[in-house]
Amino acid sequence: MDKIDQLAVEPAQLANQVKKLKGRSGYRLRVGDWRVVFDDNGDVLDILAIGPRSSIYEA
């Protein structure tokens, strides 16, 4: 939750940990071995999924 709050307040600080997803819409935030998949809709971050790196991208 701290990293999500940090991303919302100051996205430039976490720019090296955020990447656009390939093959689907959205972005991912790396938090250790965990990933936060989200969409950035201007003033709102829509959290789509949170999970371990090994299984978060499975559809």
N, C-alpha and C. Protein backbone atom coordinates (compact mmCIF):
# COMPACT_ATOMS: atom_id res chain seq x y z
N MET A 1 0.82 -1.19 0.00
CA MET A 1 0.00 0.00 0.00
C MET A 1 0.87 1.26 0.00
N ASP A 2 2.01 1.20 0.66
CA ASP A 2 2.88 2.37 0.70
C ASP A 2 3.36 2.75 -0.69
N LYS A 3 3.73 1.76 -1.50
CA LYS A 3 4.21 2.04 -2.86
C LYS A 3 3.10 2.60 -3.73
N ILE A 4 1.88 2.11 -3.57
CA ILE A 4 0.75 2.63 -4.34
C ILE A 4 0.49 4.07 -3.95
N ASP A 5 0.53 4.38 -2.66
CA ASP A 5 0.36 5.76 -2.20
C ASP A 5 1.48 6.64 -2.75
N GLN A 6 2.70 6.14 -2.72
CA GLN A 6 3.84 6.89 -3.23
C GLN A 6 3.69 7.15 -4.73
N LEU A 7 3.22 6.15 -5.48
CA LEU A 7 2.99 6.32 -6.91
C LEU A 7 1.94 7.38 -7.18
N ALA A 8 0.89 7.40 -6.39
CA ALA A 8 -0.19 8.37 -6.57
C ALA A 8 0.28 9.79 -6.28
N VAL A 9 1.12 9.96 -5.27
CA VAL A 9 1.56 11.29 -4.86
C VAL A 9 2.72 11.80 -5.72
N GLU A 10 3.71 10.96 -5.97
CA GLU A 10 4.90 11.38 -6.70
C GLU A 10 5.33 10.29 -7.69
N PRO A 11 4.66 10.20 -8.84
CA PRO A 11 4.95 9.12 -9.79
C PRO A 11 6.38 9.15 -10.34
N ALA A 12 7.00 10.30 -10.40
CA ALA A 12 8.36 10.38 -10.94
C ALA A 12 9.37 9.60 -10.08
N GLN A 13 9.13 9.49 -8.79
CA GLN A 13 10.04 8.75 -7.91
C GLN A 13 10.10 7.27 -8.24
N LEU A 14 9.01 6.72 -8.77
CA LEU A 14 8.93 5.29 -9.06
C LEU A 14 8.96 5.01 -10.55
N ALA A 15 9.38 5.96 -11.35
CA ALA A 15 9.35 5.81 -12.81
C ALA A 15 10.16 4.60 -13.28
N ASN A 16 11.25 4.26 -12.60
CA ASN A 16 12.05 3.12 -13.01
C ASN A 16 11.44 1.78 -12.59
N GLN A 17 10.37 1.79 -11.81
CA GLN A 17 9.71 0.57 -11.37
C GLN A 17 8.35 0.37 -12.05
N VAL A 18 7.99 1.28 -12.96
CA VAL A 18 6.71 1.20 -13.66
C VAL A 18 6.98 0.98 -15.14
N LYS A 19 6.27 0.02 -15.72
CA LYS A 19 6.39 -0.24 -17.16
C LYS A 19 5.02 -0.48 -17.75
N LYS A 20 4.86 -0.10 -19.01
CA LYS A 20 3.63 -0.36 -19.74
C LYS A 20 3.59 -1.84 -20.08
N LEU A 21 2.43 -2.45 -19.92
CA LEU A 21 2.28 -3.86 -20.23
C LEU A 21 2.20 -4.09 -21.73
N LYS A 22 2.71 -5.22 -22.17
CA LYS A 22 2.62 -5.60 -23.58
C LYS A 22 1.51 -6.63 -23.72
N GLY A 23 0.70 -6.52 -24.75
CA GLY A 23 -0.34 -7.49 -25.01
C GLY A 23 -1.65 -7.23 -24.28
N ARG A 24 -1.67 -6.24 -23.42
CA ARG A 24 -2.90 -5.82 -22.74
C ARG A 24 -2.73 -4.40 -22.24
N SER A 25 -3.83 -3.78 -21.91
CA SER A 25 -3.74 -2.39 -21.47
C SER A 25 -3.29 -2.33 -20.01
N GLY A 26 -2.72 -1.23 -19.64
CA GLY A 26 -2.33 -1.03 -18.27
C GLY A 26 -0.83 -0.95 -18.07
N TYR A 27 -0.46 -0.81 -16.81
CA TYR A 27 0.93 -0.69 -16.39
C TYR A 27 1.17 -1.63 -15.23
N ARG A 28 2.45 -1.87 -14.93
CA ARG A 28 2.78 -2.67 -13.77
C ARG A 28 3.77 -1.91 -12.91
N LEU A 29 3.60 -2.04 -11.61
CA LEU A 29 4.51 -1.48 -10.62
C LEU A 29 5.20 -2.64 -9.92
N ARG A 30 6.51 -2.63 -9.92
CA ARG A 30 7.27 -3.69 -9.27
C ARG A 30 7.48 -3.32 -7.80
N VAL A 31 7.12 -4.26 -6.91
CA VAL A 31 7.31 -4.09 -5.47
C VAL A 31 7.93 -5.39 -4.97
N GLY A 32 9.25 -5.48 -5.03
CA GLY A 32 9.93 -6.73 -4.66
C GLY A 32 9.54 -7.84 -5.61
N ASP A 33 9.07 -8.97 -5.08
CA ASP A 33 8.62 -10.08 -5.91
C ASP A 33 7.14 -9.97 -6.25
N TRP A 34 6.51 -8.88 -5.90
CA TRP A 34 5.10 -8.67 -6.16
C TRP A 34 4.91 -7.64 -7.26
N ARG A 35 3.77 -7.71 -7.94
CA ARG A 35 3.44 -6.77 -9.00
C ARG A 35 2.06 -6.18 -8.76
N VAL A 36 1.93 -4.91 -9.05
CA VAL A 36 0.65 -4.21 -9.00
C VAL A 36 0.32 -3.82 -10.44
N VAL A 37 -0.77 -4.35 -10.97
CA VAL A 37 -1.20 -4.02 -12.33
C VAL A 37 -2.28 -2.95 -12.20
N PHE A 38 -2.10 -1.85 -12.94
CA PHE A 38 -3.02 -0.73 -12.80
C PHE A 38 -3.19 0.01 -14.11
N ASP A 39 -4.25 0.81 -14.18
CA ASP A 39 -4.49 1.75 -15.27
C ASP A 39 -4.41 3.15 -14.69
N ASP A 40 -3.83 4.05 -15.43
CA ASP A 40 -3.73 5.45 -15.00
C ASP A 40 -4.74 6.25 -15.81
N ASN A 41 -5.81 6.66 -15.17
CA ASN A 41 -6.87 7.42 -15.83
C ASN A 41 -6.84 8.87 -15.39
N GLY A 42 -5.71 9.51 -15.57
CA GLY A 42 -5.58 10.92 -15.19
C GLY A 42 -5.40 11.08 -13.70
N ASP A 43 -6.45 11.47 -13.00
CA ASP A 43 -6.37 11.70 -11.56
C ASP A 43 -6.63 10.45 -10.73
N VAL A 44 -6.97 9.33 -11.40
CA VAL A 44 -7.34 8.11 -10.68
C VAL A 44 -6.46 6.95 -11.12
N LEU A 45 -5.93 6.21 -10.14
CA LEU A 45 -5.22 4.96 -10.42
C LEU A 45 -6.18 3.81 -10.18
N ASP A 46 -6.52 3.07 -11.21
CA ASP A 46 -7.38 1.90 -11.08
C ASP A 46 -6.50 0.68 -10.87
N ILE A 47 -6.53 0.10 -9.69
CA ILE A 47 -5.76 -1.10 -9.38
C ILE A 47 -6.53 -2.30 -9.94
N LEU A 48 -5.93 -3.00 -10.88
CA LEU A 48 -6.58 -4.13 -11.53
C LEU A 48 -6.23 -5.46 -10.88
N ALA A 49 -5.01 -5.59 -10.39
CA ALA A 49 -4.59 -6.85 -9.77
C ALA A 49 -3.33 -6.61 -8.94
N ILE A 50 -3.19 -7.40 -7.89
CA ILE A 50 -1.97 -7.42 -7.07
C ILE A 50 -1.65 -8.88 -6.83
N GLY A 51 -0.40 -9.26 -7.10
CA GLY A 51 -0.05 -10.66 -6.89
C GLY A 51 1.43 -10.90 -7.07
N PRO A 52 1.86 -12.13 -6.80
CA PRO A 52 3.27 -12.49 -6.97
C PRO A 52 3.66 -12.48 -8.44
N ARG A 53 4.90 -12.18 -8.68
CA ARG A 53 5.43 -12.07 -10.04
C ARG A 53 5.18 -13.33 -10.85
N SER A 54 5.24 -14.48 -10.21
CA SER A 54 5.14 -15.74 -10.93
C SER A 54 3.78 -16.01 -11.55
N SER A 55 2.72 -15.40 -11.01
CA SER A 55 1.39 -15.72 -11.52
C SER A 55 0.52 -14.54 -11.90
N ILE A 56 0.99 -13.33 -11.72
CA ILE A 56 0.14 -12.15 -11.93
C ILE A 56 -0.22 -11.95 -13.39
N TYR A 57 0.62 -12.40 -14.33
CA TYR A 57 0.36 -12.16 -15.74
C TYR A 57 -0.44 -13.26 -16.41
N GLU A 58 -0.75 -14.34 -15.71
CA GLU A 58 -1.53 -15.42 -16.29
C GLU A 58 -2.97 -14.95 -16.44
N ALA A 59 -3.53 -15.22 -17.61
CA ALA A 59 -4.90 -14.73 -17.88
C ALA A 59 -5.95 -15.72 -17.56
